[in-house]
Each structure stands twice: as structure tokens, then as C-alpha cells.
Amino acid sequence: MLVVGAAGATAILLFAGGDDAPKEREIPTFTFKVGDVTPVPVVLGGGVSTKEETRAVKGVLERLYTVGFVDPREWTGGFPALGELFSGDAAARAPKDLEDLTLGSSAPKIESVEPRPGRLALSFLVDAESQAISAIAETEFNARGRLKQGGRVTISHTGRFWLEPAGDTWTIVGYEVDGTIDSEEPGA
């Protein structure tokens, strides 16, 4: 299990396709099925709604798993699009943790990934005005992939993410993740 408090962006790698470039495949959509959502008020009182915050946090985490596991266009150059999802100390740590946050070094061997709907449980800390000020998200991601040289892989990944609002969106400020990629190579 990896426990970290940060993640970040890496350099963007641009690549050009030619006549021999592989045709782009439709990227499967990854989505979380939201389980428990628990607002935790700092001061007990009136009703608390976290509908918009739930949608925003869900979007950040779906983007994380799409970039890190589902969309092969994002796998080159160190998963550069991940940087926009992290802030603070977490943003500085991600380049060192790509092996645990994403397909990592297995990405070049994988042709495609078909995710199953993931599971997401959320808890929000809300202030006296019933405004969400932080979130803890627990994720579960499972998928099967096809290897470029034939064969399949089974991917499972779980995470606990701490998020905070940043303007109109939320960013990951800390995380704890664990995952496995098991190959089913032909002839094995």
C-alpha cells in the first residue's frame, strides 16, 4: 500500500501520426456508481446538501481513472493530464507515484482497457454555513485490458483521496492507493 500526500504533472509528450499511425479507437467511458455520501457538519444544525459537490468530486476522480487507466492517448509522456487534478503537496509527489496512481510502466504493453463501473463512497466536512470544505473519497476500480502482444490483463485499484475545493472545482490534496495488474499472457 502506498501512502502519499501529493501528486503532480509531468512534461507533455507530443506525438505525430503518419500514414502508418494506428487508427484511433473509441475510448470507453468510465464512471463511478456513487455509494454512500455523508455530509459531516462542523456545527450540528440545519439540512446539508452536497449534490453539486458530489458531482464535482466524482468528476475529478473519474478523470483520474480515465487518464491513468482507460484512455491510451493519456498514457504517453508520464500521464501529463494528471497534474491538473492535484494541488499543494500532492501536486509535487505524483511524478514519483505514477506506478501506483496509474498503469505506470505497464501502459506501453497494454492496447486497451475496458472498465467496469467503479464504486465511490464520499464523506464531506461542512462548515457552519453548510458549505463543503473538504471531502474524503474511497474508490474501487476494476477493469480488463488487452495486451498489444496478445493476452489480457486484469486491473484492480483502490484508493482513498482527500480533496478540497479550489475555485469552481475540487483538487486532490492527499491520497492512499493500492492496485494490481495481473497478466494473462498467451501460452502461460
N, C-alpha and C. Protein backbone atom coordinates (compact mmCIF):
# COMPACT_ATOMS: atom_id res chain seq x y z
N MET A 1 0.86 -1.17 0.00
CA MET A 1 0.00 0.00 0.00
C MET A 1 0.89 1.22 0.00
N LEU A 2 0.53 2.25 -0.73
CA LEU A 2 1.30 3.47 -0.83
C LEU A 2 0.53 4.57 -0.16
N VAL A 3 1.17 5.28 0.72
CA VAL A 3 0.53 6.42 1.36
C VAL A 3 1.30 7.65 0.95
N VAL A 4 0.61 8.63 0.38
CA VAL A 4 1.27 9.83 -0.07
C VAL A 4 0.41 11.03 0.23
N GLY A 5 1.04 12.17 0.13
CA GLY A 5 0.30 13.40 0.35
C GLY A 5 0.37 14.31 -0.83
N ALA A 6 0.76 13.80 -2.02
CA ALA A 6 0.88 14.72 -3.13
C ALA A 6 0.98 13.99 -4.45
N ALA A 7 0.75 14.74 -5.52
CA ALA A 7 0.90 14.23 -6.88
C ALA A 7 1.12 15.42 -7.78
N GLY A 8 1.60 15.21 -9.01
CA GLY A 8 1.85 16.35 -9.85
C GLY A 8 1.89 16.04 -11.31
N ALA A 9 2.21 17.07 -12.05
CA ALA A 9 2.21 16.98 -13.51
C ALA A 9 3.60 16.66 -14.00
N THR A 10 3.67 16.08 -15.15
CA THR A 10 4.94 15.83 -15.82
C THR A 10 4.88 16.48 -17.18
N ALA A 11 6.00 16.45 -17.88
CA ALA A 11 6.06 17.10 -19.19
C ALA A 11 5.10 16.44 -20.17
N ILE A 12 4.57 17.25 -21.07
CA ILE A 12 3.64 16.75 -22.08
C ILE A 12 4.45 16.25 -23.26
N LEU A 13 4.14 15.04 -23.70
CA LEU A 13 4.82 14.46 -24.85
C LEU A 13 3.89 14.54 -26.03
N LEU A 14 4.32 15.24 -27.05
CA LEU A 14 3.50 15.33 -28.25
C LEU A 14 3.99 14.30 -29.25
N PHE A 15 3.08 13.68 -29.94
CA PHE A 15 3.48 12.71 -30.94
C PHE A 15 2.66 12.95 -32.19
N ALA A 16 3.28 12.66 -33.32
CA ALA A 16 2.61 12.88 -34.60
C ALA A 16 2.33 11.53 -35.24
N GLY A 17 1.19 11.42 -35.85
CA GLY A 17 0.84 10.20 -36.55
C GLY A 17 1.12 10.36 -38.03
N GLY A 18 1.44 9.30 -38.67
CA GLY A 18 1.65 9.32 -40.11
C GLY A 18 0.69 8.35 -40.76
N ASP A 19 1.00 8.01 -41.99
CA ASP A 19 0.14 7.07 -42.70
C ASP A 19 0.10 5.72 -42.00
N ASP A 20 1.20 5.37 -41.29
CA ASP A 20 1.27 4.10 -40.59
C ASP A 20 0.76 4.17 -39.17
N ALA A 21 0.28 5.35 -38.76
CA ALA A 21 -0.20 5.52 -37.39
C ALA A 21 -1.46 4.68 -37.17
N PRO A 22 -1.57 4.07 -36.01
CA PRO A 22 -2.78 3.27 -35.74
C PRO A 22 -4.01 4.18 -35.69
N LYS A 23 -5.13 3.62 -36.12
CA LYS A 23 -6.37 4.38 -36.10
C LYS A 23 -6.82 4.54 -34.65
N GLU A 24 -7.39 5.71 -34.37
CA GLU A 24 -7.86 5.95 -33.02
C GLU A 24 -9.08 5.11 -32.73
N ARG A 25 -9.10 4.53 -31.56
CA ARG A 25 -10.23 3.75 -31.11
C ARG A 25 -11.11 4.62 -30.24
N GLU A 26 -12.35 4.26 -30.18
CA GLU A 26 -13.24 4.96 -29.27
C GLU A 26 -12.84 4.58 -27.85
N ILE A 27 -12.68 5.58 -27.01
CA ILE A 27 -12.27 5.36 -25.64
C ILE A 27 -13.52 5.04 -24.81
N PRO A 28 -13.51 3.92 -24.08
CA PRO A 28 -14.67 3.60 -23.27
C PRO A 28 -14.86 4.67 -22.19
N THR A 29 -16.09 4.87 -21.82
CA THR A 29 -16.40 5.82 -20.76
C THR A 29 -16.29 5.11 -19.42
N PHE A 30 -15.59 5.75 -18.49
CA PHE A 30 -15.51 5.21 -17.15
C PHE A 30 -16.36 6.08 -16.25
N THR A 31 -17.12 5.43 -15.39
CA THR A 31 -17.95 6.17 -14.45
C THR A 31 -18.00 5.44 -13.12
N PHE A 32 -18.17 6.22 -12.05
CA PHE A 32 -18.35 5.65 -10.73
C PHE A 32 -19.82 5.52 -10.43
N LYS A 33 -20.20 4.46 -9.78
CA LYS A 33 -21.52 4.33 -9.17
C LYS A 33 -21.34 4.85 -7.75
N VAL A 34 -22.02 5.95 -7.44
CA VAL A 34 -21.83 6.57 -6.14
C VAL A 34 -22.59 5.78 -5.09
N GLY A 35 -21.87 5.38 -4.07
CA GLY A 35 -22.48 4.67 -2.94
C GLY A 35 -22.85 5.68 -1.87
N ASP A 36 -22.30 5.51 -0.70
CA ASP A 36 -22.62 6.38 0.42
C ASP A 36 -22.05 7.77 0.22
N VAL A 37 -22.85 8.79 0.53
CA VAL A 37 -22.40 10.17 0.58
C VAL A 37 -22.83 10.70 1.94
N THR A 38 -21.85 11.10 2.75
CA THR A 38 -22.15 11.51 4.11
C THR A 38 -21.65 12.92 4.36
N PRO A 39 -22.56 13.91 4.51
CA PRO A 39 -22.10 15.23 4.94
C PRO A 39 -21.88 15.21 6.46
N VAL A 40 -20.76 15.73 6.90
CA VAL A 40 -20.44 15.77 8.32
C VAL A 40 -20.33 17.23 8.73
N PRO A 41 -21.37 17.77 9.37
CA PRO A 41 -21.32 19.19 9.73
C PRO A 41 -20.36 19.46 10.87
N VAL A 42 -19.65 20.58 10.78
CA VAL A 42 -18.77 21.02 11.85
C VAL A 42 -19.63 21.46 13.03
N VAL A 43 -20.72 22.14 12.72
CA VAL A 43 -21.68 22.58 13.73
C VAL A 43 -23.00 21.91 13.39
N LEU A 44 -23.56 21.15 14.30
CA LEU A 44 -24.81 20.46 14.03
C LEU A 44 -25.92 21.49 13.84
N GLY A 45 -26.77 21.23 12.88
CA GLY A 45 -27.85 22.17 12.64
C GLY A 45 -28.62 21.79 11.41
N GLY A 46 -29.06 22.80 10.66
CA GLY A 46 -29.94 22.65 9.51
C GLY A 46 -29.48 21.63 8.49
N GLY A 47 -30.33 21.43 7.48
CA GLY A 47 -30.07 20.45 6.44
C GLY A 47 -28.83 20.77 5.63
N VAL A 48 -28.14 19.74 5.22
CA VAL A 48 -26.93 19.88 4.43
C VAL A 48 -27.13 19.14 3.12
N SER A 49 -26.87 19.82 2.00
CA SER A 49 -26.94 19.18 0.70
C SER A 49 -25.57 19.26 0.05
N THR A 50 -25.10 18.13 -0.47
CA THR A 50 -23.79 18.11 -1.13
C THR A 50 -23.92 17.59 -2.56
N LYS A 51 -25.07 17.83 -3.17
CA LYS A 51 -25.32 17.31 -4.52
C LYS A 51 -24.31 17.83 -5.54
N GLU A 52 -24.09 19.15 -5.56
CA GLU A 52 -23.14 19.70 -6.54
C GLU A 52 -21.71 19.28 -6.23
N GLU A 53 -21.36 19.25 -4.95
CA GLU A 53 -20.02 18.84 -4.56
C GLU A 53 -19.78 17.37 -4.93
N THR A 54 -20.80 16.55 -4.74
CA THR A 54 -20.69 15.13 -5.12
C THR A 54 -20.40 15.01 -6.61
N ARG A 55 -21.13 15.76 -7.42
CA ARG A 55 -20.92 15.72 -8.87
C ARG A 55 -19.50 16.18 -9.23
N ALA A 56 -19.02 17.23 -8.56
CA ALA A 56 -17.69 17.76 -8.87
C ALA A 56 -16.58 16.78 -8.46
N VAL A 57 -16.67 16.24 -7.26
CA VAL A 57 -15.65 15.29 -6.79
C VAL A 57 -15.68 14.02 -7.64
N LYS A 58 -16.85 13.53 -7.96
CA LYS A 58 -17.00 12.36 -8.82
C LYS A 58 -16.31 12.62 -10.17
N GLY A 59 -16.49 13.82 -10.72
CA GLY A 59 -15.86 14.17 -12.00
C GLY A 59 -14.34 14.16 -11.92
N VAL A 60 -13.78 14.69 -10.84
CA VAL A 60 -12.32 14.70 -10.67
C VAL A 60 -11.79 13.27 -10.63
N LEU A 61 -12.45 12.40 -9.88
CA LEU A 61 -11.96 11.03 -9.74
C LEU A 61 -12.19 10.19 -10.99
N GLU A 62 -13.29 10.44 -11.69
CA GLU A 62 -13.49 9.75 -12.98
C GLU A 62 -12.41 10.18 -13.97
N ARG A 63 -12.04 11.46 -13.95
CA ARG A 63 -10.95 11.94 -14.82
C ARG A 63 -9.63 11.27 -14.44
N LEU A 64 -9.35 11.14 -13.16
CA LEU A 64 -8.13 10.49 -12.71
C LEU A 64 -8.04 9.06 -13.25
N TYR A 65 -9.10 8.29 -13.13
CA TYR A 65 -9.08 6.90 -13.60
C TYR A 65 -9.12 6.81 -15.12
N THR A 66 -9.78 7.74 -15.78
CA THR A 66 -9.76 7.74 -17.25
C THR A 66 -8.35 8.00 -17.76
N VAL A 67 -7.69 9.04 -17.22
CA VAL A 67 -6.33 9.37 -17.64
C VAL A 67 -5.35 8.25 -17.27
N GLY A 68 -5.44 7.75 -16.07
CA GLY A 68 -4.46 6.79 -15.57
C GLY A 68 -4.65 5.36 -16.03
N PHE A 69 -5.89 5.01 -16.46
CA PHE A 69 -6.15 3.60 -16.75
C PHE A 69 -6.92 3.33 -18.04
N VAL A 70 -7.76 4.25 -18.50
CA VAL A 70 -8.70 3.92 -19.58
C VAL A 70 -8.31 4.48 -20.94
N ASP A 71 -7.82 5.70 -21.02
CA ASP A 71 -7.56 6.37 -22.30
C ASP A 71 -6.10 6.26 -22.71
N PRO A 72 -5.77 5.39 -23.69
CA PRO A 72 -4.37 5.20 -24.08
C PRO A 72 -3.69 6.46 -24.61
N ARG A 73 -4.45 7.43 -25.08
CA ARG A 73 -3.83 8.69 -25.53
C ARG A 73 -3.19 9.44 -24.38
N GLU A 74 -3.61 9.16 -23.17
CA GLU A 74 -3.10 9.85 -21.98
C GLU A 74 -1.90 9.15 -21.35
N TRP A 75 -1.57 7.95 -21.82
CA TRP A 75 -0.55 7.15 -21.17
C TRP A 75 0.87 7.52 -21.55
N THR A 76 1.04 8.32 -22.58
CA THR A 76 2.40 8.66 -23.02
C THR A 76 2.93 9.88 -22.27
N GLY A 77 4.21 9.93 -22.13
CA GLY A 77 4.85 11.10 -21.54
C GLY A 77 4.58 11.29 -20.07
N GLY A 78 4.30 10.23 -19.35
CA GLY A 78 4.14 10.34 -17.90
C GLY A 78 2.78 10.81 -17.44
N PHE A 79 1.74 10.54 -18.20
CA PHE A 79 0.36 10.87 -17.81
C PHE A 79 0.22 12.36 -17.48
N PRO A 80 0.59 13.25 -18.41
CA PRO A 80 0.65 14.68 -18.10
C PRO A 80 -0.66 15.30 -17.63
N ALA A 81 -1.80 14.79 -18.08
CA ALA A 81 -3.07 15.41 -17.70
C ALA A 81 -3.41 15.21 -16.22
N LEU A 82 -2.71 14.32 -15.53
CA LEU A 82 -2.98 14.13 -14.11
C LEU A 82 -2.67 15.37 -13.28
N GLY A 83 -1.73 16.16 -13.72
CA GLY A 83 -1.29 17.31 -12.95
C GLY A 83 -2.39 18.28 -12.57
N GLU A 84 -3.38 18.43 -13.44
CA GLU A 84 -4.46 19.37 -13.18
C GLU A 84 -5.38 18.91 -12.05
N LEU A 85 -5.28 17.67 -11.64
CA LEU A 85 -6.18 17.11 -10.63
C LEU A 85 -5.67 17.22 -9.21
N PHE A 86 -4.41 17.61 -9.05
CA PHE A 86 -3.77 17.64 -7.74
C PHE A 86 -3.33 19.06 -7.40
N SER A 87 -3.22 19.33 -6.10
CA SER A 87 -2.69 20.63 -5.66
C SER A 87 -1.91 20.45 -4.37
N GLY A 88 -1.24 21.52 -3.97
CA GLY A 88 -0.47 21.50 -2.74
C GLY A 88 0.65 20.48 -2.79
N ASP A 89 0.92 19.87 -1.64
CA ASP A 89 1.98 18.87 -1.55
C ASP A 89 1.71 17.68 -2.46
N ALA A 90 0.44 17.37 -2.68
CA ALA A 90 0.08 16.24 -3.54
C ALA A 90 0.58 16.46 -4.97
N ALA A 91 0.55 17.70 -5.43
CA ALA A 91 0.99 18.00 -6.79
C ALA A 91 2.48 17.75 -6.99
N ALA A 92 3.25 17.89 -5.94
CA ALA A 92 4.69 17.68 -6.04
C ALA A 92 5.07 16.21 -6.00
N ARG A 93 4.19 15.36 -5.52
CA ARG A 93 4.52 13.96 -5.29
C ARG A 93 4.16 13.00 -6.43
N ALA A 94 3.15 13.34 -7.23
CA ALA A 94 2.61 12.41 -8.24
C ALA A 94 3.64 11.83 -9.21
N PRO A 95 4.58 12.61 -9.75
CA PRO A 95 5.53 12.01 -10.69
C PRO A 95 6.27 10.81 -10.11
N LYS A 96 6.49 10.81 -8.81
CA LYS A 96 7.17 9.70 -8.16
C LYS A 96 6.23 8.52 -7.93
N ASP A 97 4.92 8.78 -7.97
CA ASP A 97 3.94 7.76 -7.63
C ASP A 97 3.11 7.28 -8.82
N LEU A 98 3.53 7.60 -10.04
CA LEU A 98 2.75 7.19 -11.21
C LEU A 98 2.56 5.69 -11.30
N GLU A 99 3.53 4.94 -10.83
CA GLU A 99 3.43 3.47 -10.87
C GLU A 99 2.25 2.98 -10.03
N ASP A 100 1.91 3.73 -8.99
CA ASP A 100 0.81 3.34 -8.10
C ASP A 100 -0.49 4.06 -8.42
N LEU A 101 -0.42 5.24 -9.01
CA LEU A 101 -1.62 6.03 -9.34
C LEU A 101 -2.22 5.66 -10.69
N THR A 102 -1.45 4.97 -11.55
CA THR A 102 -1.84 4.73 -12.94
C THR A 102 -1.42 3.31 -13.36
N LEU A 103 -1.52 3.05 -14.66
CA LEU A 103 -0.97 1.81 -15.21
C LEU A 103 0.54 1.78 -15.13
N GLY A 104 1.14 2.94 -14.97
CA GLY A 104 2.58 3.04 -14.80
C GLY A 104 3.35 2.44 -15.95
N SER A 105 4.38 1.65 -15.64
CA SER A 105 5.25 1.06 -16.66
C SER A 105 4.56 -0.03 -17.47
N SER A 106 3.39 -0.47 -17.05
CA SER A 106 2.64 -1.46 -17.82
C SER A 106 1.92 -0.84 -19.01
N ALA A 107 1.72 0.46 -19.01
CA ALA A 107 0.94 1.14 -20.05
C ALA A 107 1.42 0.84 -21.47
N PRO A 108 2.73 0.87 -21.77
CA PRO A 108 3.16 0.62 -23.15
C PRO A 108 2.83 -0.79 -23.66
N LYS A 109 2.59 -1.72 -22.77
CA LYS A 109 2.28 -3.10 -23.15
C LYS A 109 0.78 -3.32 -23.38
N ILE A 110 -0.04 -2.35 -22.96
CA ILE A 110 -1.49 -2.53 -23.00
C ILE A 110 -2.09 -1.79 -24.18
N GLU A 111 -2.92 -2.48 -24.93
CA GLU A 111 -3.58 -1.89 -26.10
C GLU A 111 -4.85 -1.14 -25.71
N SER A 112 -5.67 -1.76 -24.87
CA SER A 112 -6.94 -1.14 -24.49
C SER A 112 -7.39 -1.65 -23.13
N VAL A 113 -8.26 -0.87 -22.49
CA VAL A 113 -8.80 -1.22 -21.18
C VAL A 113 -10.30 -1.01 -21.21
N GLU A 114 -11.03 -2.01 -20.74
CA GLU A 114 -12.49 -1.93 -20.63
C GLU A 114 -12.85 -1.92 -19.14
N PRO A 115 -13.21 -0.74 -18.61
CA PRO A 115 -13.52 -0.66 -17.19
C PRO A 115 -14.94 -1.12 -16.87
N ARG A 116 -15.12 -1.61 -15.67
CA ARG A 116 -16.46 -1.84 -15.13
C ARG A 116 -16.82 -0.59 -14.33
N PRO A 117 -18.10 -0.35 -14.09
CA PRO A 117 -18.43 0.80 -13.25
C PRO A 117 -17.71 0.69 -11.91
N GLY A 118 -17.12 1.78 -11.48
CA GLY A 118 -16.40 1.79 -10.21
C GLY A 118 -17.32 2.12 -9.05
N ARG A 119 -16.78 1.97 -7.86
CA ARG A 119 -17.53 2.30 -6.64
C ARG A 119 -16.89 3.51 -5.99
N LEU A 120 -17.73 4.40 -5.50
CA LEU A 120 -17.26 5.64 -4.89
C LEU A 120 -18.10 5.91 -3.65
N ALA A 121 -17.44 6.05 -2.50
CA ALA A 121 -18.11 6.47 -1.27
C ALA A 121 -17.50 7.80 -0.86
N LEU A 122 -18.33 8.76 -0.49
CA LEU A 122 -17.87 10.11 -0.17
C LEU A 122 -18.32 10.54 1.22
N SER A 123 -17.44 11.26 1.89
CA SER A 123 -17.78 11.96 3.12
C SER A 123 -17.32 13.39 2.95
N PHE A 124 -18.18 14.34 3.28
CA PHE A 124 -17.85 15.75 3.19
C PHE A 124 -17.82 16.36 4.58
N LEU A 125 -16.85 17.21 4.83
CA LEU A 125 -16.82 18.03 6.04
C LEU A 125 -17.42 19.37 5.63
N VAL A 126 -18.45 19.82 6.34
CA VAL A 126 -19.12 21.07 6.00
C VAL A 126 -18.99 22.05 7.16
N ASP A 127 -18.97 23.33 6.82
CA ASP A 127 -18.83 24.36 7.84
C ASP A 127 -20.20 24.77 8.40
N ALA A 128 -20.20 25.78 9.25
CA ALA A 128 -21.42 26.23 9.91
C ALA A 128 -22.46 26.75 8.92
N GLU A 129 -22.03 27.18 7.73
CA GLU A 129 -22.96 27.64 6.69
C GLU A 129 -23.36 26.51 5.74
N SER A 130 -23.08 25.28 6.13
CA SER A 130 -23.40 24.09 5.33
C SER A 130 -22.67 24.06 4.00
N GLN A 131 -21.50 24.66 3.93
CA GLN A 131 -20.67 24.63 2.74
C GLN A 131 -19.60 23.54 2.90
N ALA A 132 -19.46 22.69 1.89
CA ALA A 132 -18.45 21.64 1.94
C ALA A 132 -17.06 22.25 1.91
N ILE A 133 -16.22 21.87 2.87
CA ILE A 133 -14.87 22.42 2.93
C ILE A 133 -13.79 21.37 2.68
N SER A 134 -14.15 20.10 2.71
CA SER A 134 -13.23 19.03 2.32
C SER A 134 -14.02 17.75 2.10
N ALA A 135 -13.37 16.80 1.43
CA ALA A 135 -14.02 15.53 1.14
C ALA A 135 -13.01 14.40 1.27
N ILE A 136 -13.53 13.26 1.68
CA ILE A 136 -12.75 12.02 1.66
C ILE A 136 -13.51 11.08 0.73
N ALA A 137 -12.81 10.58 -0.28
CA ALA A 137 -13.43 9.70 -1.27
C ALA A 137 -12.73 8.35 -1.23
N GLU A 138 -13.52 7.29 -1.19
CA GLU A 138 -12.97 5.94 -1.28
C GLU A 138 -13.42 5.35 -2.60
N THR A 139 -12.44 4.88 -3.40
CA THR A 139 -12.72 4.39 -4.75
C THR A 139 -12.37 2.92 -4.90
N GLU A 140 -13.07 2.30 -5.85
CA GLU A 140 -12.75 0.93 -6.26
C GLU A 140 -12.90 0.88 -7.77
N PHE A 141 -11.82 0.49 -8.46
CA PHE A 141 -11.78 0.43 -9.92
C PHE A 141 -11.37 -0.97 -10.33
N ASN A 142 -12.12 -1.56 -11.26
CA ASN A 142 -11.80 -2.88 -11.81
C ASN A 142 -11.98 -2.84 -13.32
N ALA A 143 -11.06 -3.49 -14.03
CA ALA A 143 -11.12 -3.49 -15.49
C ALA A 143 -10.38 -4.71 -16.04
N ARG A 144 -10.65 -4.96 -17.32
CA ARG A 144 -9.87 -5.95 -18.08
C ARG A 144 -9.27 -5.22 -19.26
N GLY A 145 -8.05 -5.61 -19.59
CA GLY A 145 -7.37 -4.99 -20.70
C GLY A 145 -6.85 -6.01 -21.68
N ARG A 146 -6.55 -5.52 -22.87
CA ARG A 146 -5.97 -6.36 -23.92
C ARG A 146 -4.52 -5.93 -24.11
N LEU A 147 -3.61 -6.92 -24.09
CA LEU A 147 -2.19 -6.65 -24.31
C LEU A 147 -1.89 -6.50 -25.79
N LYS A 148 -0.94 -5.65 -26.14
CA LYS A 148 -0.56 -5.45 -27.54
C LYS A 148 -0.01 -6.73 -28.17
N GLN A 149 0.68 -7.56 -27.40
CA GLN A 149 1.28 -8.79 -27.93
C GLN A 149 0.36 -9.99 -27.77
N GLY A 150 -0.90 -9.74 -27.44
CA GLY A 150 -1.84 -10.83 -27.22
C GLY A 150 -1.97 -11.14 -25.74
N GLY A 151 -3.09 -11.61 -25.37
CA GLY A 151 -3.35 -11.90 -23.96
C GLY A 151 -4.14 -10.77 -23.32
N ARG A 152 -4.44 -10.95 -22.07
CA ARG A 152 -5.28 -10.00 -21.35
C ARG A 152 -4.65 -9.65 -20.01
N VAL A 153 -5.13 -8.58 -19.42
CA VAL A 153 -4.74 -8.19 -18.07
C VAL A 153 -5.99 -7.91 -17.26
N THR A 154 -5.89 -8.17 -15.98
CA THR A 154 -6.93 -7.81 -15.04
C THR A 154 -6.36 -6.71 -14.15
N ILE A 155 -7.12 -5.63 -14.02
CA ILE A 155 -6.66 -4.46 -13.29
C ILE A 155 -7.61 -4.20 -12.12
N SER A 156 -7.06 -4.05 -10.93
CA SER A 156 -7.87 -3.59 -9.80
C SER A 156 -7.08 -2.53 -9.04
N HIS A 157 -7.82 -1.54 -8.57
CA HIS A 157 -7.19 -0.39 -7.91
C HIS A 157 -8.17 0.17 -6.89
N THR A 158 -7.68 0.43 -5.71
CA THR A 158 -8.49 1.09 -4.69
C THR A 158 -7.75 2.33 -4.23
N GLY A 159 -8.51 3.28 -3.76
CA GLY A 159 -7.88 4.50 -3.27
C GLY A 159 -8.72 5.19 -2.23
N ARG A 160 -8.03 5.98 -1.43
CA ARG A 160 -8.66 6.92 -0.53
C ARG A 160 -8.03 8.27 -0.88
N PHE A 161 -8.88 9.22 -1.23
CA PHE A 161 -8.43 10.52 -1.69
C PHE A 161 -9.00 11.61 -0.81
N TRP A 162 -8.16 12.58 -0.44
CA TRP A 162 -8.60 13.76 0.29
C TRP A 162 -8.64 14.90 -0.71
N LEU A 163 -9.78 15.56 -0.78
CA LEU A 163 -9.97 16.64 -1.75
C LEU A 163 -10.43 17.91 -1.05
N GLU A 164 -10.11 19.05 -1.67
CA GLU A 164 -10.56 20.35 -1.18
C GLU A 164 -11.03 21.18 -2.36
N PRO A 165 -11.97 22.09 -2.10
CA PRO A 165 -12.43 22.95 -3.20
C PRO A 165 -11.32 23.91 -3.61
N ALA A 166 -11.27 24.17 -4.92
CA ALA A 166 -10.29 25.11 -5.48
C ALA A 166 -11.02 25.89 -6.57
N GLY A 167 -11.60 27.00 -6.19
CA GLY A 167 -12.39 27.77 -7.16
C GLY A 167 -13.66 27.01 -7.50
N ASP A 168 -13.87 26.79 -8.79
CA ASP A 168 -15.07 26.10 -9.26
C ASP A 168 -14.94 24.60 -9.30
N THR A 169 -13.80 24.07 -8.89
CA THR A 169 -13.59 22.62 -8.95
C THR A 169 -13.03 22.13 -7.62
N TRP A 170 -12.69 20.88 -7.58
CA TRP A 170 -12.05 20.28 -6.41
C TRP A 170 -10.72 19.70 -6.87
N THR A 171 -9.74 19.67 -5.97
CA THR A 171 -8.45 19.05 -6.29
C THR A 171 -8.07 18.06 -5.20
N ILE A 172 -7.26 17.11 -5.60
CA ILE A 172 -6.77 16.09 -4.68
C ILE A 172 -5.59 16.67 -3.92
N VAL A 173 -5.67 16.64 -2.59
CA VAL A 173 -4.59 17.17 -1.75
C VAL A 173 -3.85 16.07 -1.00
N GLY A 174 -4.35 14.84 -1.09
CA GLY A 174 -3.68 13.71 -0.46
C GLY A 174 -4.32 12.42 -0.94
N TYR A 175 -3.58 11.32 -0.82
CA TYR A 175 -4.12 10.04 -1.28
C TYR A 175 -3.38 8.88 -0.68
N GLU A 176 -4.04 7.74 -0.72
CA GLU A 176 -3.51 6.46 -0.31
C GLU A 176 -4.09 5.47 -1.31
N VAL A 177 -3.24 4.78 -2.07
CA VAL A 177 -3.73 3.92 -3.15
C VAL A 177 -3.06 2.55 -3.12
N ASP A 178 -3.74 1.59 -3.73
CA ASP A 178 -3.20 0.23 -3.85
C ASP A 178 -3.80 -0.39 -5.10
N GLY A 179 -3.00 -1.09 -5.87
CA GLY A 179 -3.53 -1.69 -7.08
C GLY A 179 -2.69 -2.85 -7.56
N THR A 180 -3.31 -3.64 -8.46
CA THR A 180 -2.60 -4.76 -9.09
C THR A 180 -2.97 -4.83 -10.56
N ILE A 181 -2.02 -5.29 -11.34
CA ILE A 181 -2.22 -5.57 -12.76
C ILE A 181 -1.69 -6.98 -12.98
N ASP A 182 -2.60 -7.90 -13.26
CA ASP A 182 -2.23 -9.30 -13.46
C ASP A 182 -2.35 -9.66 -14.92
N SER A 183 -1.25 -10.13 -15.53
CA SER A 183 -1.24 -10.51 -16.92
C SER A 183 -1.69 -11.95 -17.12
N GLU A 184 -2.41 -12.16 -18.21
CA GLU A 184 -2.81 -13.49 -18.64
C GLU A 184 -2.21 -13.67 -20.03
N GLU A 185 -0.91 -13.84 -20.08
CA GLU A 185 -0.19 -13.91 -21.35
C GLU A 185 -0.55 -15.19 -22.10
N PRO A 186 -0.55 -15.13 -23.45
CA PRO A 186 -0.84 -16.34 -24.22
C PRO A 186 0.20 -17.42 -23.93
N GLY A 187 -0.26 -18.64 -23.83
CA GLY A 187 0.64 -19.76 -23.60
C GLY A 187 1.10 -19.89 -22.16
N ALA A 188 0.62 -18.99 -21.30
CA ALA A 188 1.05 -19.05 -19.89
C ALA A 188 0.16 -19.97 -19.09
